[in-house]
Amino acid sequence: MQITEQAKQQLEDMLKQYRVPGIRVAFAGMGCCSPRIGLSLDEAQDDDVIDVVNGIRVAIENRVVPQTMDVILDYQATATESGFV
């Protein structure tokens, strides 16, 4: 997993605002071809893999670790909307 500088800046602000130590990537149901993954401001669970990515503490649910290997978390803003992609 990679976290871009834009995403890092947004995450740092959110982590500070909500007083949580990091983000958690977890199973969010099945898609058509593979598991869907979700992102939350949450504590790590017992079986999570914990890493620091671009200065952000990331807990990844063990069963979705393979699906996150090539994930790049970015933050994009337009005139009408903004969010993580």
Protein backbone atom coordinates (compact mmCIF):
# COMPACT_ATOMS: atom_id res chain seq x y z
CA MET A 1 0.00 0.00 0.00
CA GLN A 2 1.12 3.52 -0.76
CA ILE A 3 -0.22 6.85 0.54
CA THR A 4 0.32 9.97 -1.57
CA GLU A 5 1.40 13.26 -0.04
CA GLN A 6 -2.07 14.75 -0.65
CA ALA A 7 -3.72 11.84 1.16
CA LYS A 8 -1.15 12.01 3.96
CA GLN A 9 -1.94 15.67 4.62
CA GLN A 10 -5.68 15.00 4.81
CA LEU A 11 -5.20 11.93 6.99
CA GLU A 12 -2.92 13.76 9.41
CA ASP A 13 -5.58 16.47 9.84
CA MET A 14 -8.31 13.87 10.38
CA LEU A 15 -6.26 11.78 12.81
CA LYS A 16 -5.51 14.87 14.86
CA GLN A 17 -9.12 16.11 14.77
CA TYR A 18 -10.61 12.75 15.80
CA ARG A 19 -7.73 11.80 18.11
CA VAL A 20 -7.12 8.35 16.65
CA PRO A 21 -3.70 6.77 16.10
CA GLY A 22 -4.20 5.65 12.50
CA ILE A 23 -6.37 4.20 9.80
CA ARG A 24 -7.69 0.69 9.33
CA VAL A 25 -8.22 -1.13 6.04
CA ALA A 26 -10.73 -3.98 6.35
CA PHE A 27 -12.98 -6.40 4.51
CA ALA A 28 -16.18 -4.64 3.36
CA GLY A 29 -18.01 -7.44 1.56
CA MET A 30 -17.57 -9.27 -1.71
CA GLY A 31 -17.45 -7.56 -5.07
CA CYS A 32 -17.88 -9.29 -8.42
CA CYS A 33 -14.33 -10.61 -8.60
CA SER A 34 -12.68 -10.00 -5.24
CA PRO A 35 -13.29 -8.65 -1.75
CA ARG A 36 -14.13 -4.99 -1.39
CA ILE A 37 -12.01 -3.13 1.11
CA GLY A 38 -13.04 -0.26 3.34
CA LEU A 39 -11.09 2.51 5.02
CA SER A 40 -11.84 3.83 8.51
CA LEU A 41 -10.39 5.83 11.36
CA ASP A 42 -10.23 2.95 13.78
CA GLU A 43 -8.08 1.01 16.21
CA ALA A 44 -6.21 -2.08 15.04
CA GLN A 45 -7.77 -5.47 15.74
CA ASP A 46 -5.82 -8.42 17.16
CA ASP A 47 -5.10 -10.13 13.81
CA ASP A 48 -4.36 -6.97 11.79
CA VAL A 49 -1.04 -6.38 10.08
CA ILE A 50 0.28 -3.02 11.26
CA ASP A 51 2.60 -0.88 9.18
CA VAL A 52 3.63 2.74 8.87
CA VAL A 53 3.10 4.05 5.35
CA ASN A 54 4.39 7.54 4.51
CA GLY A 55 4.24 8.39 8.22
CA ILE A 56 0.67 7.13 8.71
CA ARG A 57 -0.06 4.14 10.98
CA VAL A 58 -2.05 1.63 8.93
CA ALA A 59 -3.75 -1.48 10.32
CA ILE A 60 -4.78 -3.93 7.59
CA GLU A 61 -7.18 -6.76 8.27
CA ASN A 62 -5.20 -9.93 7.73
CA ARG A 63 -7.57 -11.44 5.13
CA VAL A 64 -7.28 -8.45 2.77
CA VAL A 65 -3.51 -7.93 2.95
CA PRO A 66 -2.96 -9.44 -0.54
CA GLN A 67 -5.56 -7.08 -2.07
CA THR A 68 -3.83 -4.01 -0.62
CA MET A 69 -0.35 -4.68 -1.99
CA ASP A 70 -0.89 -2.51 -5.10
CA VAL A 71 -3.31 0.03 -3.58
CA ILE A 72 -2.41 3.71 -3.81
CA LEU A 73 -4.48 5.90 -1.49
CA ASP A 74 -4.82 9.42 -2.87
CA TYR A 75 -6.93 12.48 -2.06
CA GLN A 76 -8.51 14.48 -4.86
CA ALA A 77 -10.49 17.69 -4.78
CA THR A 78 -12.52 19.32 -7.54
CA ALA A 79 -14.78 22.36 -7.57
CA THR A 80 -17.77 20.17 -6.61
CA GLU A 81 -16.41 17.34 -4.47
CA SER A 82 -13.40 15.92 -2.66
CA GLY A 83 -12.37 12.65 -1.11
CA PHE A 84 -10.06 9.68 -0.95
CA VAL A 85 -9.62 7.58 -4.07
